[in-house]
Amino acid sequence: MEIHFFKYQGAGNDFIMVDNRDQKIDHHHPNLIAKLCDRRFGIGGDGIMFLELTDDYDFKMVYYNSDGQPSSMCGNGGRCIVAFAKKLNIIKNKTTFLAVDGPHYAEIQRRKIG
């Protein structure tokens, strides 16, 4: 199986990001998820997220911990998947997306430092 992915980092956590809008990847395999997240023999990451389409929201965040088990909403992961959705041109700077615990609103803001 070939999986195209990106790695994102948010406030110290790193995630494997997969565009699964076409539903080609069946991610309901904990052993596969754990192998992909393995830092020595896989891609490595604190978790993996699949960006999928859903009705009534810009996208759906499907998140698994590095042990392959489904996880609750992760704030750092939410930040990453919003940036990933922007990279994929799904959103501009504002979004409402769906996660396991319900809908979330996010806005990307640019701030000058210094």
Protein backbone atom coordinates (compact mmCIF):
# COMPACT_ATOMS: atom_id res chain seq x y z
CA MET A 1 0.00 0.00 0.00
CA GLU A 2 1.24 3.47 -0.88
CA ILE A 3 0.25 6.34 1.40
CA HIS A 4 0.97 9.98 0.60
CA PHE A 5 1.43 11.95 3.80
CA PHE A 6 2.74 15.15 5.33
CA LYS A 7 4.27 15.74 8.77
CA TYR A 8 3.04 18.67 10.82
CA GLN A 9 4.18 19.93 14.21
CA GLY A 10 2.01 21.90 16.60
CA ALA A 11 3.34 23.20 19.93
CA GLY A 12 5.71 20.26 20.32
CA ASN A 13 3.51 17.41 19.06
CA ASP A 14 4.09 15.94 15.61
CA PHE A 15 1.46 14.30 13.46
CA ILE A 16 1.21 12.35 10.24
CA MET A 17 -1.38 14.06 8.05
CA VAL A 18 -3.22 12.17 5.30
CA ASP A 19 -5.64 13.61 2.76
CA ASN A 20 -8.34 10.93 2.70
CA ARG A 21 -11.08 12.87 0.94
CA ASP A 22 -11.28 10.11 -1.66
CA GLN A 23 -11.78 7.46 1.08
CA LYS A 24 -9.12 5.20 -0.47
CA ILE A 25 -7.43 4.47 2.85
CA ASP A 26 -9.24 2.21 5.30
CA HIS A 27 -7.76 3.45 8.57
CA HIS A 28 -9.62 1.04 10.86
CA HIS A 29 -6.50 -1.08 11.44
CA PRO A 30 -4.82 -0.30 14.80
CA ASN A 31 -1.70 -2.35 13.99
CA LEU A 32 -1.12 -0.43 10.75
CA ILE A 33 -1.61 2.93 12.49
CA ALA A 34 0.82 1.94 15.27
CA LYS A 35 3.43 0.85 12.69
CA LEU A 36 3.13 4.12 10.78
CA CYS A 37 3.54 6.14 14.01
CA ASP A 38 6.54 4.08 15.21
CA ARG A 39 9.56 6.41 15.49
CA ARG A 40 12.15 3.72 14.72
CA PHE A 41 10.53 1.65 12.00
CA GLY A 42 7.72 3.84 10.66
CA ILE A 43 7.17 7.48 9.78
CA GLY A 44 7.05 8.48 13.43
CA GLY A 45 4.53 10.71 15.14
CA ASP A 46 2.45 11.35 18.23
CA GLY A 47 -0.53 10.39 16.12
CA ILE A 48 -2.03 10.29 12.66
CA MET A 49 -4.91 12.33 11.25
CA PHE A 50 -7.05 11.65 8.24
CA LEU A 51 -8.75 14.65 6.65
CA GLU A 52 -12.08 13.51 5.24
CA LEU A 53 -15.17 15.10 3.72
CA THR A 54 -18.41 15.36 5.65
CA ASP A 55 -21.76 17.04 5.16
CA ASP A 56 -22.41 20.41 6.83
CA TYR A 57 -18.72 21.10 7.70
CA ASP A 58 -15.60 22.03 5.76
CA PHE A 59 -13.96 18.71 6.65
CA LYS A 60 -13.77 15.96 9.25
CA MET A 61 -10.74 15.23 11.46
CA VAL A 62 -10.23 11.52 12.16
CA TYR A 63 -7.47 11.19 14.78
CA TYR A 64 -5.62 8.15 16.12
CA ASN A 65 -3.01 8.05 18.88
CA SER A 66 0.37 6.50 18.11
CA ASP A 67 -0.80 3.18 19.61
CA GLY A 68 -3.37 2.88 16.81
CA GLN A 69 -6.42 3.60 18.95
CA PRO A 70 -8.97 6.30 18.10
CA SER A 71 -8.50 9.42 20.18
CA SER A 72 -10.49 12.34 21.48
CA MET A 73 -10.02 15.85 20.16
CA CYS A 74 -6.44 17.10 20.34
CA GLY A 75 -5.92 20.87 20.38
CA ASN A 76 -2.41 20.75 18.89
CA GLY A 77 -3.64 18.30 16.29
CA GLY A 78 -6.58 20.56 15.54
CA ARG A 79 -4.19 23.39 14.83
CA CYS A 80 -2.25 21.16 12.45
CA ILE A 81 -5.24 19.82 10.54
CA VAL A 82 -6.57 23.35 10.03
CA ALA A 83 -3.20 24.38 8.53
CA PHE A 84 -3.29 21.19 6.40
CA ALA A 85 -6.80 22.03 5.15
CA LYS A 86 -5.54 25.49 4.17
CA LYS A 87 -2.59 23.95 2.30
CA LEU A 88 -5.04 21.71 0.42
CA ASN A 89 -7.13 24.82 -0.47
CA ILE A 90 -10.17 23.43 1.33
CA ILE A 91 -10.43 26.56 3.47
CA LYS A 92 -9.17 30.12 3.47
CA ASN A 93 -8.59 31.50 7.00
CA LYS A 94 -11.75 30.40 8.83
CA THR A 95 -13.32 26.99 9.19
CA THR A 96 -15.80 24.89 11.06
CA PHE A 97 -14.73 21.26 11.09
CA LEU A 98 -15.99 18.09 12.68
CA ALA A 99 -14.03 15.97 15.17
CA VAL A 100 -15.04 12.99 17.30
CA ASP A 101 -16.40 15.28 20.03
CA GLY A 102 -18.40 17.52 17.69
CA PRO A 103 -17.87 20.70 15.67
CA HIS A 104 -14.95 23.10 16.14
CA TYR A 105 -14.36 26.60 14.82
CA ALA A 106 -10.88 27.82 13.91
CA GLU A 107 -9.40 30.97 12.45
CA ILE A 108 -5.88 31.39 11.09
CA GLN A 109 -4.36 34.73 12.06
CA ARG A 110 -1.01 36.19 11.08
CA ARG A 111 0.84 38.03 13.78
CA LYS A 112 4.07 39.98 13.59
CA ILE A 113 6.69 39.08 16.18
CA GLY A 114 9.07 41.73 17.41
